[in-house]
């Protein structure tokens, strides 16, 4: 089991990766090209892109270290993937946090 610090560091690193992929994608680089360059499968790239568009409130909570130990990156990936609307994302997040 990860410590709270290790968990938060993992989440911050995931956001950094997500924003890097988002910048590439919004700059005109295709998903397949990103996947090839990063040596990752398409699904992984999509997971990180979804994470990049997560609710700002959730992102701020994560970056401010306000997450409880039971909130991990997999749960954030799930919320980002399952809900497009910020309100729905936040509702799901606060139910687990």
PDB file of N, CA and C in Angstrom:
ATOM      1  N   UNK A   1       0.841  -1.178   0.000  1.00  0.00           N
ATOM      2  CA  UNK A   1       0.000   0.000   0.000  1.00  0.00           C
ATOM      3  C   UNK A   1       0.890   1.246   0.000  1.00  0.00           C
ATOM      4  N   UNK A   2       0.525   2.211  -0.818  1.00  0.00           N
ATOM      5  CA  UNK A   2       1.287   3.454  -0.932  1.00  0.00           C
ATOM      6  C   UNK A   2       1.021   4.363   0.258  1.00  0.00           C
ATOM      7  N   UNK A   3       2.038   5.111   0.639  1.00  0.00           N
ATOM      8  CA  UNK A   3       1.819   6.146   1.640  1.00  0.00           C
ATOM      9  C   UNK A   3       1.011   7.271   0.981  1.00  0.00           C
ATOM     10  N   UNK A   4       0.453   8.138   1.793  1.00  0.00           N
ATOM     11  CA  UNK A   4      -0.317   9.265   1.247  1.00  0.00           C
ATOM     12  C   UNK A   4       0.590  10.132   0.369  1.00  0.00           C
ATOM     13  N   UNK A   5       1.813  10.351   0.794  1.00  0.00           N
ATOM     14  CA  UNK A   5       2.757  11.155   0.013  1.00  0.00           C
ATOM     15  C   UNK A   5       3.066  10.497  -1.324  1.00  0.00           C
ATOM     16  N   UNK A   6       3.348   9.200  -1.306  1.00  0.00           N
ATOM     17  CA  UNK A   6       3.632   8.482  -2.554  1.00  0.00           C
ATOM     18  C   UNK A   6       2.422   8.494  -3.477  1.00  0.00           C
ATOM     19  N   UNK A   7       1.236   8.320  -2.899  1.00  0.00           N
ATOM     20  CA  UNK A   7       0.001   8.349  -3.686  1.00  0.00           C
ATOM     21  C   UNK A   7      -0.168   9.716  -4.340  1.00  0.00           C
ATOM     22  N   UNK A   8       0.013  10.776  -3.561  1.00  0.00           N
ATOM     23  CA  UNK A   8      -0.137  12.127  -4.107  1.00  0.00           C
ATOM     24  C   UNK A   8       0.910  12.419  -5.178  1.00  0.00           C
ATOM     25  N   UNK A   9       2.134  11.942  -4.977  1.00  0.00           N
ATOM     26  CA  UNK A   9       3.179  12.130  -5.991  1.00  0.00           C
ATOM     27  C   UNK A   9       2.813  11.420  -7.286  1.00  0.00           C
ATOM     28  N   UNK A  10       2.275  10.225  -7.173  1.00  0.00           N
ATOM     29  CA  UNK A  10       1.848   9.475  -8.355  1.00  0.00           C
ATOM     30  C   UNK A  10       0.752  10.226  -9.111  1.00  0.00           C
ATOM     31  N   UNK A  11      -0.179  10.797  -8.371  1.00  0.00           N
ATOM     32  CA  UNK A  11      -1.267  11.555  -8.985  1.00  0.00           C
ATOM     33  C   UNK A  11      -0.732  12.804  -9.683  1.00  0.00           C
ATOM     34  N   UNK A  12       0.182  13.519  -9.056  1.00  0.00           N
ATOM     35  CA  UNK A  12       0.765  14.725  -9.669  1.00  0.00           C
ATOM     36  C   UNK A  12       1.509  14.361 -10.949  1.00  0.00           C
ATOM     37  N   UNK A  13       2.262  13.265 -10.919  1.00  0.00           N
ATOM     38  CA  UNK A  13       2.972  12.817 -12.122  1.00  0.00           C
ATOM     39  C   UNK A  13       1.985  12.460 -13.236  1.00  0.00           C
ATOM     40  N   UNK A  14       0.875  11.844 -12.876  1.00  0.00           N
ATOM     41  CA  UNK A  14      -0.137  11.486 -13.880  1.00  0.00           C
ATOM     42  C   UNK A  14      -0.736  12.739 -14.509  1.00  0.00           C
ATOM     43  N   UNK A  15      -1.007  13.759 -13.694  1.00  0.00           N
ATOM     44  CA  UNK A  15      -1.524  15.011 -14.246  1.00  0.00           C
ATOM     45  C   UNK A  15      -0.501  15.663 -15.172  1.00  0.00           C
ATOM     46  N   UNK A  16       0.760  15.624 -14.799  1.00  0.00           N
ATOM     47  CA  UNK A  16       1.804  16.204 -15.649  1.00  0.00           C
ATOM     48  C   UNK A  16       1.855  15.500 -16.999  1.00  0.00           C
ATOM     49  N   UNK A  17       1.763  14.183 -16.977  1.00  0.00           N
ATOM     50  CA  UNK A  17       1.737  13.411 -18.230  1.00  0.00           C
ATOM     51  C   UNK A  17       0.490  13.748 -19.033  1.00  0.00           C
ATOM     52  N   UNK A  18      -0.648  13.829 -18.349  1.00  0.00           N
ATOM     53  CA  UNK A  18      -1.911  14.142 -19.019  1.00  0.00           C
ATOM     54  C   UNK A  18      -1.842  15.491 -19.718  1.00  0.00           C
ATOM     55  N   UNK A  19      -1.304  16.489 -19.041  1.00  0.00           N
ATOM     56  CA  UNK A  19      -1.236  17.825 -19.636  1.00  0.00           C
ATOM     57  C   UNK A  19      -0.235  17.873 -20.783  1.00  0.00           C
ATOM     58  N   UNK A  20       0.825  17.095 -20.677  1.00  0.00           N
ATOM     59  CA  UNK A  20       1.793  17.034 -21.781  1.00  0.00           C
ATOM     60  C   UNK A  20       1.120  16.450 -23.027  1.00  0.00           C
ATOM     61  N   UNK A  21       0.375  15.354 -22.849  1.00  0.00           N
ATOM     62  CA  UNK A  21      -0.336  14.750 -23.984  1.00  0.00           C
ATOM     63  C   UNK A  21      -1.396  15.702 -24.524  1.00  0.00           C
ATOM     64  N   UNK A  22      -2.068  16.414 -23.637  1.00  0.00           N
ATOM     65  CA  UNK A  22      -3.091  17.378 -24.058  1.00  0.00           C
ATOM     66  C   UNK A  22      -2.462  18.473 -24.906  1.00  0.00           C
ATOM     67  N   UNK A  23      -1.323  18.984 -24.479  1.00  0.00           N
ATOM     68  CA  UNK A  23      -0.638  20.026 -25.252  1.00  0.00           C
ATOM     69  C   UNK A  23      -0.228  19.517 -26.622  1.00  0.00           C
ATOM     70  N   UNK A  24       0.277  18.294 -26.682  1.00  0.00           N
ATOM     71  CA  UNK A  24       0.638  17.706 -27.979  1.00  0.00           C
ATOM     72  C   UNK A  24      -0.597  17.579 -28.864  1.00  0.00           C
ATOM     73  N   UNK A  25      -1.664  17.027 -28.299  1.00  0.00           N
ATOM     74  CA  UNK A  25      -2.892  16.789 -29.055  1.00  0.00           C
ATOM     75  C   UNK A  25      -3.500  18.110 -29.554  1.00  0.00           C
ATOM     76  N   UNK A  26      -3.591  19.074 -28.663  1.00  0.00           N
ATOM     77  CA  UNK A  26      -4.159  20.367 -29.054  1.00  0.00           C
ATOM     78  C   UNK A  26      -3.233  21.125 -30.000  1.00  0.00           C
ATOM     79  N   UNK A  27      -1.970  20.758 -30.017  1.00  0.00           N
ATOM     80  CA  UNK A  27      -1.010  21.360 -30.945  1.00  0.00           C
ATOM     81  C   UNK A  27      -1.010  20.697 -32.312  1.00  0.00           C
ATOM     82  N   UNK A  28      -1.858  19.686 -32.487  1.00  0.00           N
ATOM     83  CA  UNK A  28      -2.008  19.064 -33.793  1.00  0.00           C
ATOM     84  C   UNK A  28      -1.392  17.685 -33.948  1.00  0.00           C
ATOM     85  N   UNK A  29      -0.787  17.162 -32.903  1.00  0.00           N
ATOM     86  CA  UNK A  29      -0.202  15.822 -32.977  1.00  0.00           C
ATOM     87  C   UNK A  29      -1.323  14.805 -32.786  1.00  0.00           C
ATOM     88  N   UNK A  30      -1.402  13.835 -33.678  1.00  0.00           N
ATOM     89  CA  UNK A  30      -2.447  12.818 -33.602  1.00  0.00           C
ATOM     90  C   UNK A  30      -2.224  11.835 -32.469  1.00  0.00           C
ATOM     91  N   UNK A  31      -3.322  11.213 -32.058  1.00  0.00           N
ATOM     92  CA  UNK A  31      -3.283  10.243 -30.966  1.00  0.00           C
ATOM     93  C   UNK A  31      -2.329   9.092 -31.289  1.00  0.00           C
ATOM     94  N   UNK A  32      -2.392   8.588 -32.507  1.00  0.00           N
ATOM     95  CA  UNK A  32      -1.516   7.470 -32.888  1.00  0.00           C
ATOM     96  C   UNK A  32      -0.047   7.873 -32.819  1.00  0.00           C
ATOM     97  N   UNK A  33       0.259   9.079 -33.243  1.00  0.00           N
ATOM     98  CA  UNK A  33       1.636   9.571 -33.211  1.00  0.00           C
ATOM     99  C   UNK A  33       2.120   9.698 -31.762  1.00  0.00           C
ATOM    100  N   UNK A  34       1.270  10.228 -30.894  1.00  0.00           N
ATOM    101  CA  UNK A  34       1.630  10.335 -29.480  1.00  0.00           C
ATOM    102  C   UNK A  34       1.901   8.942 -28.920  1.00  0.00           C
ATOM    103  N   UNK A  35       1.022   7.995 -29.227  1.00  0.00           N
ATOM    104  CA  UNK A  35       1.180   6.621 -28.724  1.00  0.00           C
ATOM    105  C   UNK A  35       2.499   6.008 -29.197  1.00  0.00           C
ATOM    106  N   UNK A  36       2.806   6.196 -30.460  1.00  0.00           N
ATOM    107  CA  UNK A  36       4.059   5.650 -31.009  1.00  0.00           C
ATOM    108  C   UNK A  36       5.265   6.312 -30.339  1.00  0.00           C
ATOM    109  N   UNK A  37       5.254   7.645 -30.283  1.00  0.00           N
ATOM    110  CA  UNK A  37       6.374   8.373 -29.699  1.00  0.00           C
ATOM    111  C   UNK A  37       6.578   8.043 -28.220  1.00  0.00           C
ATOM    112  N   UNK A  38       5.480   7.816 -27.497  1.00  0.00           N
ATOM    113  CA  UNK A  38       5.550   7.538 -26.066  1.00  0.00           C
ATOM    114  C   UNK A  38       5.662   6.045 -25.760  1.00  0.00           C
ATOM    115  N   UNK A  39       5.587   5.238 -26.815  1.00  0.00           N
ATOM    116  CA  UNK A  39       5.640   3.775 -26.657  1.00  0.00           C
ATOM    117  C   UNK A  39       4.562   3.270 -25.708  1.00  0.00           C
ATOM    118  N   UNK A  40       3.351   3.770 -25.940  1.00  0.00           N
ATOM    119  CA  UNK A  40       2.180   3.384 -25.151  1.00  0.00           C
ATOM    120  C   UNK A  40       1.057   3.025 -26.109  1.00  0.00           C
ATOM    121  N   UNK A  41       0.095   2.257 -25.600  1.00  0.00           N
ATOM    122  CA  UNK A  41      -1.032   1.913 -26.463  1.00  0.00           C
ATOM    123  C   UNK A  41      -2.034   3.071 -26.505  1.00  0.00           C
ATOM    124  N   UNK A  42      -2.910   3.010 -27.494  1.00  0.00           N
ATOM    125  CA  UNK A  42      -3.883   4.092 -27.687  1.00  0.00           C
ATOM    126  C   UNK A  42      -4.758   4.297 -26.458  1.00  0.00           C
ATOM    127  N   UNK A  43      -5.181   3.210 -25.839  1.00  0.00           N
ATOM    128  CA  UNK A  43      -6.069   3.305 -24.676  1.00  0.00           C
ATOM    129  C   UNK A  43      -5.413   4.107 -23.554  1.00  0.00           C
ATOM    130  N   UNK A  44      -4.132   3.897 -23.354  1.00  0.00           N
ATOM    131  CA  UNK A  44      -3.416   4.630 -22.308  1.00  0.00           C
ATOM    132  C   UNK A  44      -3.387   6.124 -22.620  1.00  0.00           C
ATOM    133  N   UNK A  45      -3.155   6.466 -23.869  1.00  0.00           N
ATOM    134  CA  UNK A  45      -3.147   7.879 -24.265  1.00  0.00           C
ATOM    135  C   UNK A  45      -4.519   8.500 -24.019  1.00  0.00           C
ATOM    136  N   UNK A  46      -5.575   7.782 -24.393  1.00  0.00           N
ATOM    137  CA  UNK A  46      -6.931   8.286 -24.160  1.00  0.00           C
ATOM    138  C   UNK A  46      -7.216   8.457 -22.667  1.00  0.00           C
ATOM    139  N   UNK A  47      -6.740   7.527 -21.837  1.00  0.00           N
ATOM    140  CA  UNK A  47      -6.943   7.644 -20.389  1.00  0.00           C
ATOM    141  C   UNK A  47      -6.317   8.929 -19.862  1.00  0.00           C
ATOM    142  N   UNK A  48      -5.103   9.198 -20.304  1.00  0.00           N
ATOM    143  CA  UNK A  48      -4.431  10.412 -19.840  1.00  0.00           C
ATOM    144  C   UNK A  48      -5.091  11.673 -20.399  1.00  0.00           C
ATOM    145  N   UNK A  49      -5.543  11.618 -21.636  1.00  0.00           N
ATOM    146  CA  UNK A  49      -6.246  12.783 -22.190  1.00  0.00           C
ATOM    147  C   UNK A  49      -7.536  13.052 -21.428  1.00  0.00           C
ATOM    148  N   UNK A  50      -8.267  12.006 -21.091  1.00  0.00           N
ATOM    149  CA  UNK A  50      -9.475  12.187 -20.278  1.00  0.00           C
ATOM    150  C   UNK A  50      -9.122  12.841 -18.946  1.00  0.00           C
ATOM    151  N   UNK A  51      -8.034  12.395 -18.345  1.00  0.00           N
ATOM    152  CA  UNK A  51      -7.599  12.949 -17.070  1.00  0.00           C
ATOM    153  C   UNK A  51      -7.274  14.442 -17.204  1.00  0.00           C
ATOM    154  N   UNK A  52      -6.724  14.837 -18.337  1.00  0.00           N
ATOM    155  CA  UNK A  52      -6.375  16.242 -18.564  1.00  0.00           C
ATOM    156  C   UNK A  52      -7.606  17.137 -18.591  1.00  0.00           C
ATOM    157  N   UNK A  53      -8.763  16.570 -18.867  1.00  0.00           N
ATOM    158  CA  UNK A  53     -10.008  17.342 -18.936  1.00  0.00           C
ATOM    159  C   UNK A  53     -10.892  17.093 -17.725  1.00  0.00           C
ATOM    160  N   UNK A  54     -10.303  16.651 -16.624  1.00  0.00           N
ATOM    161  CA  UNK A  54     -11.027  16.440 -15.379  1.00  0.00           C
ATOM    162  C   UNK A  54     -11.410  17.790 -14.774  1.00  0.00           C
ATOM    163  N   UNK A  55     -12.443  17.791 -13.968  1.00  0.00           N
ATOM    164  CA  UNK A  55     -12.920  19.010 -13.322  1.00  0.00           C
ATOM    165  C   UNK A  55     -11.785  19.765 -12.629  1.00  0.00           C
ATOM    166  N   UNK A  56     -11.709  21.070 -12.836  1.00  0.00           N
ATOM    167  CA  UNK A  56     -10.689  21.870 -12.160  1.00  0.00           C
ATOM    168  C   UNK A  56     -10.758  21.770 -10.627  1.00  0.00           C
ATOM    169  N   UNK A  57     -11.950  21.602 -10.091  1.00  0.00           N
ATOM    170  CA  UNK A  57     -12.079  21.467  -8.632  1.00  0.00           C
ATOM    171  C   UNK A  57     -11.383  20.203  -8.139  1.00  0.00           C
ATOM    172  N   UNK A  58     -11.527  19.133  -8.881  1.00  0.00           N
ATOM    173  CA  UNK A  58     -10.884  17.868  -8.504  1.00  0.00           C
ATOM    174  C   UNK A  58      -9.368  18.007  -8.653  1.00  0.00           C
ATOM    175  N   UNK A  59      -8.944  18.597  -9.748  1.00  0.00           N
ATOM    176  CA  UNK A  59      -7.504  18.788  -9.974  1.00  0.00           C
ATOM    177  C   UNK A  59      -6.903  19.626  -8.855  1.00  0.00           C
ATOM    178  N   UNK A  60      -7.569  20.712  -8.484  1.00  0.00           N
ATOM    179  CA  UNK A  60      -7.062  21.564  -7.400  1.00  0.00           C
ATOM    180  C   UNK A  60      -6.990  20.803  -6.082  1.00  0.00           C
ATOM    181  N   UNK A  61      -7.998  19.984  -5.799  1.00  0.00           N
ATOM    182  CA  UNK A  61      -7.968  19.170  -4.580  1.00  0.00           C
ATOM    183  C   UNK A  61      -6.758  18.248  -4.575  1.00  0.00           C
ATOM    184  N   UNK A  62      -6.495  17.646  -5.719  1.00  0.00           N
ATOM    185  CA  UNK A  62      -5.360  16.730  -5.827  1.00  0.00           C
ATOM    186  C   UNK A  62      -4.036  17.476  -5.660  1.00  0.00           C
ATOM    187  N   UNK A  63      -3.894  18.594  -6.329  1.00  0.00           N
ATOM    188  CA  UNK A  63      -2.637  19.334  -6.282  1.00  0.00           C
ATOM    189  C   UNK A  63      -2.408  20.030  -4.940  1.00  0.00           C
ATOM    190  N   UNK A  64      -3.477  20.284  -4.213  1.00  0.00           N
ATOM    191  CA  UNK A  64      -3.358  20.889  -2.888  1.00  0.00           C
ATOM    192  C   UNK A  64      -3.173  19.850  -1.790  1.00  0.00           C
ATOM    193  N   UNK A  65      -3.090  18.577  -2.175  1.00  0.00           N
ATOM    194  CA  UNK A  65      -2.881  17.509  -1.200  1.00  0.00           C
ATOM    195  C   UNK A  65      -4.096  17.228  -0.342  1.00  0.00           C
ATOM    196  N   UNK A  66      -5.288  17.501  -0.856  1.00  0.00           N
ATOM    197  CA  UNK A  66      -6.521  17.331  -0.086  1.00  0.00           C
ATOM    198  C   UNK A  66      -7.197  15.989  -0.315  1.00  0.00           C
ATOM    199  N   UNK A  67      -6.495  15.060  -0.922  1.00  0.00           N
ATOM    200  CA  UNK A  67      -7.080  13.749  -1.177  1.00  0.00           C
ATOM    201  C   UNK A  67      -6.889  12.841   0.023  1.00  0.00           C
ATOM    202  N   UNK A  68      -7.867  12.007   0.252  1.00  0.00           N
ATOM    203  CA  UNK A  68      -7.742  11.000   1.301  1.00  0.00           C
ATOM    204  C   UNK A  68      -7.000   9.805   0.724  1.00  0.00           C
ATOM    205  N   UNK A  69      -6.523   8.953   1.552  1.00  0.00           N
ATOM    206  CA  UNK A  69      -5.702   7.822   1.127  1.00  0.00           C
ATOM    207  C   UNK A  69      -6.456   6.862   0.202  1.00  0.00           C
ATOM    208  N   UNK A  70      -7.789   6.825   0.288  1.00  0.00           N
ATOM    209  CA  UNK A  70      -8.537   5.899  -0.565  1.00  0.00           C
ATOM    210  C   UNK A  70      -8.812   6.461  -1.958  1.00  0.00           C
ATOM    211  N   UNK A  71      -8.401   7.687  -2.232  1.00  0.00           N
ATOM    212  CA  UNK A  71      -8.495   8.240  -3.579  1.00  0.00           C
ATOM    213  C   UNK A  71      -7.148   8.009  -4.255  1.00  0.00           C
ATOM    214  N   UNK A  72      -7.177   7.250  -5.334  1.00  0.00           N
ATOM    215  CA  UNK A  72      -5.931   6.963  -6.039  1.00  0.00           C
ATOM    216  C   UNK A  72      -6.078   7.294  -7.514  1.00  0.00           C
ATOM    217  N   UNK A  73      -5.007   7.148  -8.249  1.00  0.00           N
ATOM    218  CA  UNK A  73      -5.013   7.531  -9.662  1.00  0.00           C
ATOM    219  C   UNK A  73      -5.996   6.691 -10.469  1.00  0.00           C
ATOM    220  N   UNK A  74      -6.160   5.435 -10.111  1.00  0.00           N
ATOM    221  CA  UNK A  74      -7.103   4.585 -10.847  1.00  0.00           C
ATOM    222  C   UNK A  74      -8.533   5.104 -10.702  1.00  0.00           C
ATOM    223  N   UNK A  75      -8.883   5.576  -9.523  1.00  0.00           N
ATOM    224  CA  UNK A  75     -10.226   6.137  -9.318  1.00  0.00           C
ATOM    225  C   UNK A  75     -10.398   7.434 -10.103  1.00  0.00           C
ATOM    226  N   UNK A  76      -9.340   8.230 -10.168  1.00  0.00           N
ATOM    227  CA  UNK A  76      -9.418   9.461 -10.953  1.00  0.00           C
ATOM    228  C   UNK A  76      -9.534   9.160 -12.446  1.00  0.00           C
ATOM    229  N   UNK A  77      -8.776   8.153 -12.927  1.00  0.00           N
ATOM    230  CA  UNK A  77      -8.921   7.727 -14.320  1.00  0.00           C
ATOM    231  C   UNK A  77     -10.358   7.284 -14.598  1.00  0.00           C
ATOM    232  N   UNK A  78     -10.930   6.529 -13.675  1.00  0.00           N
ATOM    233  CA  UNK A  78     -12.298   6.027 -13.843  1.00  0.00           C
ATOM    234  C   UNK A  78     -13.303   7.173 -13.926  1.00  0.00           C
ATOM    235  N   UNK A  79     -13.191   8.128 -13.025  1.00  0.00           N
ATOM    236  CA  UNK A  79     -14.098   9.280 -13.036  1.00  0.00           C
ATOM    237  C   UNK A  79     -13.945  10.064 -14.335  1.00  0.00           C
ATOM    238  N   UNK A  80     -12.720  10.314 -14.736  1.00  0.00           N
ATOM    239  CA  UNK A  80     -12.466  11.080 -15.961  1.00  0.00           C
ATOM    240  C   UNK A  80     -13.007  10.363 -17.190  1.00  0.00           C
ATOM    241  N   UNK A  81     -12.923   9.044 -17.186  1.00  0.00           N
ATOM    242  CA  UNK A  81     -13.381   8.252 -18.319  1.00  0.00           C
ATOM    243  C   UNK A  81     -14.902   8.126 -18.358  1.00  0.00           C
ATOM    244  N   UNK A  82     -15.506   8.007 -17.203  1.00  0.00           N
ATOM    245  CA  UNK A  82     -16.937   7.703 -17.130  1.00  0.00           C
ATOM    246  C   UNK A  82     -17.834   8.936 -17.262  1.00  0.00           C
ATOM    247  N   UNK A  83     -17.369  10.067 -16.763  1.00  0.00           N
ATOM    248  CA  UNK A  83     -18.205  11.268 -16.733  1.00  0.00           C
ATOM    249  C   UNK A  83     -17.557  12.402 -17.522  1.00  0.00           C
ATOM    250  N   UNK A  84     -18.302  12.995 -18.436  1.00  0.00           N
ATOM    251  CA  UNK A  84     -17.791  14.124 -19.211  1.00  0.00           C
ATOM    252  C   UNK A  84     -18.084  15.451 -18.527  1.00  0.00           C
ATOM    253  N   UNK A  85     -19.206  15.522 -17.840  1.00  0.00           N
ATOM    254  CA  UNK A  85     -19.676  16.739 -17.212  1.00  0.00           C
ATOM    255  C   UNK A  85     -18.958  16.963 -15.878  1.00  0.00           C
ATOM    256  N   UNK A  86     -18.487  18.179 -15.648  1.00  0.00           N
ATOM    257  CA  UNK A  86     -17.775  18.480 -14.409  1.00  0.00           C
ATOM    258  C   UNK A  86     -18.622  18.200 -13.171  1.00  0.00           C
ATOM    259  N   UNK A  87     -19.908  18.550 -13.220  1.00  0.00           N
ATOM    260  CA  UNK A  87     -20.775  18.310 -12.061  1.00  0.00           C
ATOM    261  C   UNK A  87     -20.862  16.822 -11.727  1.00  0.00           C
ATOM    262  N   UNK A  88     -20.995  15.989 -12.746  1.00  0.00           N
ATOM    263  CA  UNK A  88     -21.047  14.544 -12.517  1.00  0.00           C
ATOM    264  C   UNK A  88     -19.708  14.031 -11.991  1.00  0.00           C
ATOM    265  N   UNK A  89     -18.608  14.535 -12.531  1.00  0.00           N
ATOM    266  CA  UNK A  89     -17.281  14.144 -12.063  1.00  0.00           C
ATOM    267  C   UNK A  89     -17.115  14.494 -10.584  1.00  0.00           C
ATOM    268  N   UNK A  90     -17.512  15.711 -10.234  1.00  0.00           N
ATOM    269  CA  UNK A  90     -17.360  16.161  -8.851  1.00  0.00           C
ATOM    270  C   UNK A  90     -18.230  15.355  -7.903  1.00  0.00           C
ATOM    271  N   UNK A  91     -19.439  15.058  -8.318  1.00  0.00           N
ATOM    272  CA  UNK A  91     -20.331  14.237  -7.477  1.00  0.00           C
ATOM    273  C   UNK A  91     -19.688  12.869  -7.221  1.00  0.00           C
ATOM    274  N   UNK A  92     -19.202  12.229  -8.259  1.00  0.00           N
ATOM    275  CA  UNK A  92     -18.562  10.923  -8.104  1.00  0.00           C
ATOM    276  C   UNK A  92     -17.314  11.031  -7.244  1.00  0.00           C
ATOM    277  N   UNK A  93     -16.544  12.079  -7.438  1.00  0.00           N
ATOM    278  CA  UNK A  93     -15.311  12.274  -6.667  1.00  0.00           C
ATOM    279  C   UNK A  93     -15.609  12.460  -5.183  1.00  0.00           C
ATOM    280  N   UNK A  94     -16.580  13.284  -4.858  1.00  0.00           N
ATOM    281  CA  UNK A  94     -16.863  13.560  -3.449  1.00  0.00           C
ATOM    282  C   UNK A  94     -17.531  12.372  -2.756  1.00  0.00           C
ATOM    283  N   UNK A  95     -18.126  11.480  -3.534  1.00  0.00           N
ATOM    284  CA  UNK A  95     -18.675  10.265  -2.939  1.00  0.00           C
ATOM    285  C   UNK A  95     -17.558   9.329  -2.472  1.00  0.00           C
ATOM    286  N   UNK A  96     -16.409   9.362  -3.153  1.00  0.00           N
ATOM    287  CA  UNK A  96     -15.309   8.478  -2.760  1.00  0.00           C
ATOM    288  C   UNK A  96     -14.276   9.182  -1.898  1.00  0.00           C
ATOM    289  N   UNK A  97     -14.274  10.494  -1.886  1.00  0.00           N
ATOM    290  CA  UNK A  97     -13.226  11.225  -1.163  1.00  0.00           C
ATOM    291  C   UNK A  97     -13.668  11.652   0.206  1.00  0.00           C
TER     292      UNK A  97
END
